[in-house]
Amino acid sequence: MTEKKTIVITGASDGIGAAAAHALAEGGHEIVVVGRSADKTRRVADSIEAQSFVADFGSLAEVRELASKLAERYPKIDVLANNAGGVFGSRQKTVDGFEKTFQVNHLAPFLLTNLLLPTLIRSKAIVIQTASIAARLYGKLAIADLDNDRNFSANKAYGDSKLENILFTAELDRRYSADGISAAAFHPGIIGSSFATETTSRTMKMLYASPLTKLFLRSSEEGADQLVWLASTQPGTEWTRGKYYEKRAVAKRVNPQIHDADLARKLWEKSAALCGLS
């Protein structure tokens, strides 16, 4: 067996997060299950004899509380898998005043990662972002309109947030790879899970929730494959840091904005300001 790791997985109460938690626990790793639903999160944690924490990423106060608890409980975190996320329907604002898709999919994991940076750097950790091919299909990021106040659609908001996940990965690598952080993002494929149950987007409903298309969707276990691979292997030798992956290979067909280093830097700086980080 490889060296035992402490692995924190958000969005682990269902879907690929839960599947990855089970697979990595079977590999002998210590798993920390984070989810929004207390009952579902506890059930997954109990099934693999893991610790669990509950946080709603629609509240940045809950993200800060989660970070504080994790830092206190775990002096060493070998892997942080930022897997929580969703696609929503009509435009909604969170209690923090941000568009819900933007906050849940990008701002919340950005804040969590930054608050845990002292622990992650000390641990020489791997930080993984669950992104999506939607970054290429729908993403067109404008720093001046991250909330999509001027140009909202459910598809664009989701695509933008997944593009932000990839840009965050690249900028995290640029800023902290010298300190031992290894970052990667990946597209899990189109998965047959409860994902997209809250959306009113016809496209997303067709892709994820249609009884017909569900016959052709990948299982949660198949979708979790790359998360498990990235978490349990050696960065720098088995995969390249700071990259976005599809099918265990650096993605070739991508949104051209992911190569914009200045955009990645501006997104980081804007996100830090919105989260109140110095």
C-alpha atoms as a PDB file:
ATOM      1  CA  MET A   1       0.000   0.000   0.000  1.00  0.00           C
ATOM      2  CA  THR A   2       1.046   3.585  -0.575  1.00  0.00           C
ATOM      3  CA  GLU A   3       1.660   5.849   2.390  1.00  0.00           C
ATOM      4  CA  LYS A   4      -1.509   6.550   4.380  1.00  0.00           C
ATOM      5  CA  LYS A   5      -2.865  10.028   3.686  1.00  0.00           C
ATOM      6  CA  THR A   6      -5.382  12.283   5.391  1.00  0.00           C
ATOM      7  CA  ILE A   7      -7.809  13.260   2.619  1.00  0.00           C
ATOM      8  CA  VAL A   8     -10.539  15.877   2.975  1.00  0.00           C
ATOM      9  CA  ILE A   9     -13.305  15.586   0.362  1.00  0.00           C
ATOM     10  CA  THR A  10     -16.032  18.210   0.093  1.00  0.00           C
ATOM     11  CA  GLY A  11     -19.304  17.311  -1.569  1.00  0.00           C
ATOM     12  CA  ALA A  12     -18.721  13.773  -0.316  1.00  0.00           C
ATOM     13  CA  SER A  13     -22.263  12.965   0.812  1.00  0.00           C
ATOM     14  CA  ASP A  14     -23.277  11.815  -2.674  1.00  0.00           C
ATOM     15  CA  GLY A  15     -22.115  11.191  -6.234  1.00  0.00           C
ATOM     16  CA  ILE A  16     -18.448  11.107  -7.145  1.00  0.00           C
ATOM     17  CA  GLY A  17     -17.425  12.564  -3.781  1.00  0.00           C
ATOM     18  CA  ALA A  18     -18.963   9.630  -1.921  1.00  0.00           C
ATOM     19  CA  ALA A  19     -17.578   7.163  -4.477  1.00  0.00           C
ATOM     20  CA  ALA A  20     -14.084   8.630  -4.105  1.00  0.00           C
ATOM     21  CA  ALA A  21     -14.387   8.525  -0.310  1.00  0.00           C
ATOM     22  CA  HIS A  22     -15.196   4.799  -0.425  1.00  0.00           C
ATOM     23  CA  ALA A  23     -12.424   3.981  -2.914  1.00  0.00           C
ATOM     24  CA  LEU A  24      -9.763   5.927  -1.022  1.00  0.00           C
ATOM     25  CA  ALA A  25     -10.865   4.488   2.315  1.00  0.00           C
ATOM     26  CA  GLU A  26     -10.527   1.011   0.826  1.00  0.00           C
ATOM     27  CA  GLY A  27      -6.983   2.042  -0.124  1.00  0.00           C
ATOM     28  CA  GLY A  28      -6.210   2.550   3.561  1.00  0.00           C
ATOM     29  CA  HIS A  29      -6.374   6.341   3.707  1.00  0.00           C
ATOM     30  CA  GLU A  30      -7.974   8.429   6.439  1.00  0.00           C
ATOM     31  CA  ILE A  31     -10.956  10.171   4.859  1.00  0.00           C
ATOM     32  CA  VAL A  32     -12.681  13.309   6.118  1.00  0.00           C
ATOM     33  CA  VAL A  33     -16.199  13.558   4.676  1.00  0.00           C
ATOM     34  CA  VAL A  34     -17.650  17.042   4.168  1.00  0.00           C
ATOM     35  CA  GLY A  35     -21.194  17.581   2.947  1.00  0.00           C
ATOM     36  CA  ARG A  36     -24.208  19.861   3.118  1.00  0.00           C
ATOM     37  CA  SER A  37     -26.782  17.313   4.294  1.00  0.00           C
ATOM     38  CA  ALA A  38     -26.145  16.172   7.858  1.00  0.00           C
ATOM     39  CA  ASP A  39     -27.919  12.824   7.409  1.00  0.00           C
ATOM     40  CA  LYS A  40     -26.334  11.911   4.066  1.00  0.00           C
ATOM     41  CA  THR A  41     -22.888  13.066   5.193  1.00  0.00           C
ATOM     42  CA  ARG A  42     -23.099  11.024   8.383  1.00  0.00           C
ATOM     43  CA  ARG A  43     -24.251   7.909   6.506  1.00  0.00           C
ATOM     44  CA  VAL A  44     -21.291   8.054   4.115  1.00  0.00           C
ATOM     45  CA  ALA A  45     -18.862   8.716   6.966  1.00  0.00           C
ATOM     46  CA  ASP A  46     -20.265   5.871   9.079  1.00  0.00           C
ATOM     47  CA  SER A  47     -20.029   3.457   6.148  1.00  0.00           C
ATOM     48  CA  ILE A  48     -16.263   3.969   5.938  1.00  0.00           C
ATOM     49  CA  GLU A  49     -15.646   4.737   9.648  1.00  0.00           C
ATOM     50  CA  ALA A  50     -14.607   8.303   8.890  1.00  0.00           C
ATOM     51  CA  GLN A  51     -15.020  11.680  10.552  1.00  0.00           C
ATOM     52  CA  SER A  52     -17.541  14.065   9.029  1.00  0.00           C
ATOM     53  CA  PHE A  53     -18.278  17.790   8.959  1.00  0.00           C
ATOM     54  CA  VAL A  54     -21.322  19.637   7.675  1.00  0.00           C
ATOM     55  CA  ALA A  55     -21.160  22.973   5.859  1.00  0.00           C
ATOM     56  CA  ASP A  56     -23.374  24.797   3.387  1.00  0.00           C
ATOM     57  CA  PHE A  57     -21.169  26.570   0.846  1.00  0.00           C
ATOM     58  CA  GLY A  58     -23.973  29.047   0.291  1.00  0.00           C
ATOM     59  CA  SER A  59     -22.710  30.661   3.506  1.00  0.00           C
ATOM     60  CA  LEU A  60     -19.114  31.857   3.702  1.00  0.00           C
ATOM     61  CA  ALA A  61     -19.467  31.980   7.498  1.00  0.00           C
ATOM     62  CA  GLU A  62     -19.991  28.205   7.438  1.00  0.00           C
ATOM     63  CA  VAL A  63     -16.931  27.818   5.192  1.00  0.00           C
ATOM     64  CA  ARG A  64     -14.845  29.784   7.699  1.00  0.00           C
ATOM     65  CA  GLU A  65     -16.176  27.646  10.549  1.00  0.00           C
ATOM     66  CA  LEU A  66     -15.383  24.487   8.594  1.00  0.00           C
ATOM     67  CA  ALA A  67     -11.822  25.664   7.915  1.00  0.00           C
ATOM     68  CA  SER A  68     -11.315  26.445  11.593  1.00  0.00           C
ATOM     69  CA  LYS A  69     -12.546  22.992  12.656  1.00  0.00           C
ATOM     70  CA  LEU A  70     -10.432  21.197  10.074  1.00  0.00           C
ATOM     71  CA  ALA A  71      -7.274  23.133  10.960  1.00  0.00           C
ATOM     72  CA  GLU A  72      -7.828  22.422  14.657  1.00  0.00           C
ATOM     73  CA  ARG A  73      -8.617  18.733  14.187  1.00  0.00           C
ATOM     74  CA  TYR A  74      -6.015  17.883  11.524  1.00  0.00           C
ATOM     75  CA  PRO A  75      -2.467  19.241  11.865  1.00  0.00           C
ATOM     76  CA  LYS A  76      -1.676  17.436   8.597  1.00  0.00           C
ATOM     77  CA  ILE A  77      -3.916  17.370   5.519  1.00  0.00           C
ATOM     78  CA  ASP A  78      -2.322  15.533   2.619  1.00  0.00           C
ATOM     79  CA  VAL A  79      -5.132  16.085   0.115  1.00  0.00           C
ATOM     80  CA  LEU A  80      -7.897  18.669  -0.121  1.00  0.00           C
ATOM     81  CA  ALA A  81     -10.428  17.670  -2.781  1.00  0.00           C
ATOM     82  CA  ASN A  82     -12.659  20.644  -3.565  1.00  0.00           C
ATOM     83  CA  ASN A  83     -15.463  18.593  -5.054  1.00  0.00           C
ATOM     84  CA  ALA A  84     -18.602  20.315  -3.731  1.00  0.00           C
ATOM     85  CA  GLY A  85     -20.637  22.216  -6.269  1.00  0.00           C
ATOM     86  CA  GLY A  86     -23.814  22.385  -8.255  1.00  0.00           C
ATOM     87  CA  VAL A  87     -25.716  23.855 -11.153  1.00  0.00           C
ATOM     88  CA  PHE A  88     -28.759  25.922 -10.306  1.00  0.00           C
ATOM     89  CA  GLY A  89     -31.701  27.350 -12.176  1.00  0.00           C
ATOM     90  CA  SER A  90     -33.027  30.837 -11.786  1.00  0.00           C
ATOM     91  CA  ARG A  91     -30.612  33.474 -10.593  1.00  0.00           C
ATOM     92  CA  GLN A  92     -30.240  33.412  -6.806  1.00  0.00           C
ATOM     93  CA  LYS A  93     -28.203  35.435  -4.331  1.00  0.00           C
ATOM     94  CA  THR A  94     -26.632  33.869  -1.243  1.00  0.00           C
ATOM     95  CA  VAL A  95     -26.737  35.311   2.264  1.00  0.00           C
ATOM     96  CA  ASP A  96     -23.363  36.860   1.391  1.00  0.00           C
ATOM     97  CA  GLY A  97     -24.843  38.685  -1.606  1.00  0.00           C
ATOM     98  CA  PHE A  98     -23.150  36.678  -4.370  1.00  0.00           C
ATOM     99  CA  GLU A  99     -24.725  34.740  -7.226  1.00  0.00           C
ATOM    100  CA  LYS A 100     -25.186  31.221  -5.870  1.00  0.00           C
ATOM    101  CA  THR A 101     -23.354  29.271  -8.589  1.00  0.00           C
ATOM    102  CA  PHE A 102     -20.343  31.587  -8.374  1.00  0.00           C
ATOM    103  CA  GLN A 103     -20.153  31.322  -4.594  1.00  0.00           C
ATOM    104  CA  VAL A 104     -20.810  27.606  -4.130  1.00  0.00           C
ATOM    105  CA  ASN A 105     -18.580  26.451  -6.998  1.00  0.00           C
ATOM    106  CA  HIS A 106     -15.734  28.963  -6.782  1.00  0.00           C
ATOM    107  CA  LEU A 107     -15.685  31.436  -3.914  1.00  0.00           C
ATOM    108  CA  ALA A 108     -16.340  28.877  -1.178  1.00  0.00           C
ATOM    109  CA  PRO A 109     -13.565  26.427  -2.195  1.00  0.00           C
ATOM    110  CA  PHE A 110     -11.262  29.378  -2.876  1.00  0.00           C
ATOM    111  CA  LEU A 111     -11.849  30.635   0.669  1.00  0.00           C
ATOM    112  CA  LEU A 112     -11.551  27.171   2.229  1.00  0.00           C
ATOM    113  CA  THR A 113      -8.255  26.507   0.461  1.00  0.00           C
ATOM    114  CA  ASN A 114      -6.808  29.874   1.439  1.00  0.00           C
ATOM    115  CA  LEU A 115      -7.824  29.515   5.085  1.00  0.00           C
ATOM    116  CA  LEU A 116      -6.199  26.075   5.183  1.00  0.00           C
ATOM    117  CA  LEU A 117      -3.023  27.175   3.382  1.00  0.00           C
ATOM    118  CA  PRO A 118      -0.771  27.057   6.478  1.00  0.00           C
ATOM    119  CA  THR A 119      -1.774  23.423   7.054  1.00  0.00           C
ATOM    120  CA  LEU A 120      -1.626  22.540   3.354  1.00  0.00           C
ATOM    121  CA  ILE A 121       1.830  24.063   2.894  1.00  0.00           C
ATOM    122  CA  ARG A 122       3.128  22.345   6.021  1.00  0.00           C
ATOM    123  CA  SER A 123       1.710  19.070   4.685  1.00  0.00           C
ATOM    124  CA  LYS A 124       3.059  19.501   1.110  1.00  0.00           C
ATOM    125  CA  ALA A 125      -0.533  18.828   0.107  1.00  0.00           C
ATOM    126  CA  ILE A 126      -2.336  18.010  -3.112  1.00  0.00           C
ATOM    127  CA  VAL A 127      -5.283  20.327  -3.870  1.00  0.00           C
ATOM    128  CA  ILE A 128      -7.815  18.995  -6.378  1.00  0.00           C
ATOM    129  CA  GLN A 129     -10.642  20.874  -8.075  1.00  0.00           C
ATOM    130  CA  THR A 130     -13.570  19.034  -9.674  1.00  0.00           C
ATOM    131  CA  ALA A 131     -14.065  21.081 -12.833  1.00  0.00           C
ATOM    132  CA  SER A 132     -16.088  20.290 -15.947  1.00  0.00           C
ATOM    133  CA  ILE A 133     -16.149  20.330 -19.729  1.00  0.00           C
ATOM    134  CA  ALA A 134     -18.764  23.069 -19.216  1.00  0.00           C
ATOM    135  CA  ALA A 135     -15.817  25.436 -18.794  1.00  0.00           C
ATOM    136  CA  ARG A 136     -15.179  25.021 -22.523  1.00  0.00           C
ATOM    137  CA  LEU A 137     -18.796  24.788 -23.631  1.00  0.00           C
ATOM    138  CA  TYR A 138     -20.254  27.729 -21.698  1.00  0.00           C
ATOM    139  CA  GLY A 139     -17.515  29.648 -19.885  1.00  0.00           C
ATOM    140  CA  LYS A 140     -16.685  33.205 -20.882  1.00  0.00           C
ATOM    141  CA  LEU A 141     -15.288  34.968 -17.861  1.00  0.00           C
ATOM    142  CA  ALA A 142     -15.477  38.717 -17.247  1.00  0.00           C
ATOM    143  CA  ILE A 143     -13.718  39.884 -14.080  1.00  0.00           C
ATOM    144  CA  ALA A 144     -15.981  42.941 -13.917  1.00  0.00           C
ATOM    145  CA  ASP A 145     -19.101  40.741 -13.846  1.00  0.00           C
ATOM    146  CA  LEU A 146     -18.283  37.589 -11.879  1.00  0.00           C
ATOM    147  CA  ASP A 147     -21.850  37.485 -10.549  1.00  0.00           C
ATOM    148  CA  ASN A 148     -23.189  37.609 -14.121  1.00  0.00           C
ATOM    149  CA  ASP A 149     -25.427  40.522 -13.190  1.00  0.00           C
ATOM    150  CA  ARG A 150     -25.423  41.704 -16.793  1.00  0.00           C
ATOM    151  CA  ASN A 151     -25.450  38.393 -18.623  1.00  0.00           C
ATOM    152  CA  PHE A 152     -26.966  35.563 -16.583  1.00  0.00           C
ATOM    153  CA  SER A 153     -27.970  32.124 -17.706  1.00  0.00           C
ATOM    154  CA  ALA A 154     -27.741  28.919 -15.682  1.00  0.00           C
ATOM    155  CA  ASN A 155     -25.407  27.381 -18.262  1.00  0.00           C
ATOM    156  CA  LYS A 156     -23.081  30.398 -18.400  1.00  0.00           C
ATOM    157  CA  ALA A 157     -22.958  30.718 -14.616  1.00  0.00           C
ATOM    158  CA  TYR A 158     -22.005  27.055 -14.319  1.00  0.00           C
ATOM    159  CA  GLY A 159     -19.496  27.189 -17.165  1.00  0.00           C
ATOM    160  CA  ASP A 160     -17.896  30.308 -15.704  1.00  0.00           C
ATOM    161  CA  SER A 161     -17.584  28.686 -12.280  1.00  0.00           C
ATOM    162  CA  LYS A 162     -15.904  25.606 -13.726  1.00  0.00           C
ATOM    163  CA  LEU A 163     -13.556  27.839 -15.720  1.00  0.00           C
ATOM    164  CA  GLU A 164     -12.787  29.622 -12.449  1.00  0.00           C
ATOM    165  CA  ASN A 165     -11.917  26.251 -10.885  1.00  0.00           C
ATOM    166  CA  ILE A 166      -9.325  25.662 -13.599  1.00  0.00           C
ATOM    167  CA  LEU A 167      -7.899  29.189 -13.400  1.00  0.00           C
ATOM    168  CA  PHE A 168      -7.718  28.871  -9.612  1.00  0.00           C
ATOM    169  CA  THR A 169      -5.754  25.652 -10.022  1.00  0.00           C
ATOM    170  CA  ALA A 170      -3.244  27.313 -12.347  1.00  0.00           C
ATOM    171  CA  GLU A 171      -2.793  30.333 -10.095  1.00  0.00           C
ATOM    172  CA  LEU A 172      -2.525  28.197  -6.948  1.00  0.00           C
ATOM    173  CA  ASP A 173       0.276  26.307  -8.686  1.00  0.00           C
ATOM    174  CA  ARG A 174       2.011  29.541  -9.714  1.00  0.00           C
ATOM    175  CA  ARG A 175       1.854  31.010  -6.234  1.00  0.00           C
ATOM    176  CA  TYR A 176       2.521  27.987  -4.043  1.00  0.00           C
ATOM    177  CA  SER A 177       4.172  25.147  -5.966  1.00  0.00           C
ATOM    178  CA  ALA A 178       7.538  26.302  -4.612  1.00  0.00           C
ATOM    179  CA  ASP A 179       6.087  25.814  -1.116  1.00  0.00           C
ATOM    180  CA  GLY A 180       5.160  22.222  -1.883  1.00  0.00           C
ATOM    181  CA  ILE A 181       1.526  22.572  -2.985  1.00  0.00           C
ATOM    182  CA  SER A 182       0.517  20.349  -5.928  1.00  0.00           C
ATOM    183  CA  ALA A 183      -2.682  21.454  -7.669  1.00  0.00           C
ATOM    184  CA  ALA A 184      -4.792  19.833 -10.367  1.00  0.00           C
ATOM    185  CA  ALA A 185      -8.297  20.100 -11.824  1.00  0.00           C
ATOM    186  CA  PHE A 186     -10.256  17.447 -13.697  1.00  0.00           C
ATOM    187  CA  HIS A 187     -13.448  16.792 -15.661  1.00  0.00           C
ATOM    188  CA  PRO A 188     -15.172  13.666 -14.287  1.00  0.00           C
ATOM    189  CA  GLY A 189     -17.381  13.085 -17.311  1.00  0.00           C
ATOM    190  CA  ILE A 190     -21.180  13.253 -17.462  1.00  0.00           C
ATOM    191  CA  ILE A 191     -22.258  11.358 -14.364  1.00  0.00           C
ATOM    192  CA  GLY A 192     -25.562   9.712 -13.508  1.00  0.00           C
ATOM    193  CA  SER A 193     -26.068  11.036  -9.973  1.00  0.00           C
ATOM    194  CA  SER A 194     -28.306  13.534  -8.166  1.00  0.00           C
ATOM    195  CA  PHE A 195     -26.234  16.387  -9.598  1.00  0.00           C
ATOM    196  CA  ALA A 196     -28.294  19.086 -11.347  1.00  0.00           C
ATOM    197  CA  THR A 197     -31.511  18.218  -9.512  1.00  0.00           C
ATOM    198  CA  GLU A 198     -31.868  21.880  -8.501  1.00  0.00           C
ATOM    199  CA  THR A 199     -31.470  23.349 -11.968  1.00  0.00           C
ATOM    200  CA  THR A 200     -34.153  24.595 -14.345  1.00  0.00           C
ATOM    201  CA  SER A 201     -31.690  24.578 -17.253  1.00  0.00           C
ATOM    202  CA  ARG A 202     -33.113  22.426 -20.036  1.00  0.00           C
ATOM    203  CA  THR A 203     -29.638  21.505 -21.259  1.00  0.00           C
ATOM    204  CA  MET A 204     -28.454  20.366 -17.837  1.00  0.00           C
ATOM    205  CA  LYS A 205     -31.698  18.501 -17.190  1.00  0.00           C
ATOM    206  CA  MET A 206     -31.294  16.715 -20.517  1.00  0.00           C
ATOM    207  CA  LEU A 207     -27.663  15.808 -19.814  1.00  0.00           C
ATOM    208  CA  TYR A 208     -28.013  14.722 -16.201  1.00  0.00           C
ATOM    209  CA  ALA A 209     -31.646  13.993 -15.337  1.00  0.00           C
ATOM    210  CA  SER A 210     -33.368  12.618 -18.428  1.00  0.00           C
ATOM    211  CA  PRO A 211     -34.333   8.916 -18.001  1.00  0.00           C
ATOM    212  CA  LEU A 212     -33.090   8.296 -21.548  1.00  0.00           C
ATOM    213  CA  THR A 213     -29.681   9.937 -21.190  1.00  0.00           C
ATOM    214  CA  LYS A 214     -29.169   8.306 -17.776  1.00  0.00           C
ATOM    215  CA  LEU A 215     -28.775   5.025 -19.647  1.00  0.00           C
ATOM    216  CA  PHE A 216     -25.576   6.347 -21.213  1.00  0.00           C
ATOM    217  CA  LEU A 217     -24.097   8.288 -18.286  1.00  0.00           C
ATOM    218  CA  ARG A 218     -21.019   7.201 -16.413  1.00  0.00           C
ATOM    219  CA  SER A 219     -21.361   5.853 -12.882  1.00  0.00           C
ATOM    220  CA  SER A 220     -20.232   7.845  -9.854  1.00  0.00           C
ATOM    221  CA  GLU A 221     -17.421   5.335  -9.413  1.00  0.00           C
ATOM    222  CA  GLU A 222     -16.204   5.966 -12.961  1.00  0.00           C
ATOM    223  CA  GLY A 223     -16.456   9.710 -12.413  1.00  0.00           C
ATOM    224  CA  ALA A 224     -14.421   9.436  -9.211  1.00  0.00           C
ATOM    225  CA  ASP A 225     -11.571   7.648 -10.980  1.00  0.00           C
ATOM    226  CA  GLN A 226      -9.459  10.732 -11.678  1.00  0.00           C
ATOM    227  CA  LEU A 227     -10.028  12.178  -8.205  1.00  0.00           C
ATOM    228  CA  VAL A 228      -8.815   8.905  -6.687  1.00  0.00           C
ATOM    229  CA  TRP A 229      -5.879   8.784  -9.116  1.00  0.00           C
ATOM    230  CA  LEU A 230      -4.768  12.362  -8.418  1.00  0.00           C
ATOM    231  CA  ALA A 231      -5.165  11.932  -4.651  1.00  0.00           C
ATOM    232  CA  SER A 232      -3.270   8.667  -4.366  1.00  0.00           C
ATOM    233  CA  THR A 233      -0.395   9.098  -6.826  1.00  0.00           C
ATOM    234  CA  GLN A 234       2.774  11.154  -6.980  1.00  0.00           C
ATOM    235  CA  PRO A 235       2.552  14.674  -8.446  1.00  0.00           C
ATOM    236  CA  GLY A 236       5.480  15.640 -10.613  1.00  0.00           C
ATOM    237  CA  THR A 237       6.054  12.052 -11.704  1.00  0.00           C
ATOM    238  CA  GLU A 238       2.647  10.506 -12.394  1.00  0.00           C
ATOM    239  CA  TRP A 239       0.903  13.770 -13.256  1.00  0.00           C
ATOM    240  CA  THR A 240       1.899  17.364 -13.958  1.00  0.00           C
ATOM    241  CA  ARG A 241       1.100  20.037 -11.401  1.00  0.00           C
ATOM    242  CA  GLY A 242      -1.173  22.960 -12.199  1.00  0.00           C
ATOM    243  CA  LYS A 243      -2.975  21.279 -15.113  1.00  0.00           C
ATOM    244  CA  TYR A 244      -6.541  20.400 -16.066  1.00  0.00           C
ATOM    245  CA  TYR A 245      -7.204  16.715 -16.800  1.00  0.00           C
ATOM    246  CA  GLU A 246      -9.657  14.651 -18.789  1.00  0.00           C
ATOM    247  CA  LYS A 247      -9.396  10.839 -18.787  1.00  0.00           C
ATOM    248  CA  ARG A 248      -6.107  10.953 -16.813  1.00  0.00           C
ATOM    249  CA  ALA A 249      -4.424  13.114 -19.448  1.00  0.00           C
ATOM    250  CA  VAL A 250      -3.881  16.847 -19.714  1.00  0.00           C
ATOM    251  CA  ALA A 251      -6.919  18.119 -21.616  1.00  0.00           C
ATOM    252  CA  LYS A 252      -6.257  19.210 -25.204  1.00  0.00           C
ATOM    253  CA  ARG A 253      -9.584  20.787 -26.187  1.00  0.00           C
ATOM    254  CA  VAL A 254     -10.057  23.597 -23.693  1.00  0.00           C
ATOM    255  CA  ASN A 255     -11.438  27.079 -23.273  1.00  0.00           C
ATOM    256  CA  PRO A 256      -8.602  29.383 -24.442  1.00  0.00           C
ATOM    257  CA  GLN A 257      -9.116  31.532 -21.344  1.00  0.00           C
ATOM    258  CA  ILE A 258      -7.501  28.851 -19.171  1.00  0.00           C
ATOM    259  CA  HIS A 259      -4.139  29.856 -20.686  1.00  0.00           C
ATOM    260  CA  ASP A 260      -4.583  33.519 -19.676  1.00  0.00           C
ATOM    261  CA  ALA A 261      -2.202  33.907 -16.734  1.00  0.00           C
ATOM    262  CA  ASP A 262      -3.200  37.534 -16.226  1.00  0.00           C
ATOM    263  CA  LEU A 263      -6.862  36.524 -15.985  1.00  0.00           C
ATOM    264  CA  ALA A 264      -5.984  33.853 -13.409  1.00  0.00           C
ATOM    265  CA  ARG A 265      -4.080  36.423 -11.350  1.00  0.00           C
ATOM    266  CA  LYS A 266      -6.927  38.948 -11.521  1.00  0.00           C
ATOM    267  CA  LEU A 267      -9.478  36.290 -10.568  1.00  0.00           C
ATOM    268  CA  TRP A 268      -7.417  35.361  -7.504  1.00  0.00           C
ATOM    269  CA  GLU A 269      -7.036  38.980  -6.426  1.00  0.00           C
ATOM    270  CA  LYS A 270     -10.737  39.759  -6.966  1.00  0.00           C
ATOM    271  CA  SER A 271     -11.820  36.593  -5.162  1.00  0.00           C
ATOM    272  CA  ALA A 272      -9.562  37.382  -2.216  1.00  0.00           C
ATOM    273  CA  ALA A 273     -11.061  40.858  -1.963  1.00  0.00           C
ATOM    274  CA  LEU A 274     -14.619  39.503  -2.124  1.00  0.00           C
ATOM    275  CA  CYS A 275     -13.828  37.005   0.642  1.00  0.00           C
ATOM    276  CA  GLY A 276     -12.182  39.633   2.807  1.00  0.00           C
ATOM    277  CA  LEU A 277      -8.739  38.011   2.656  1.00  0.00           C
ATOM    278  CA  SER A 278      -5.743  40.292   3.063  1.00  0.00           C
END
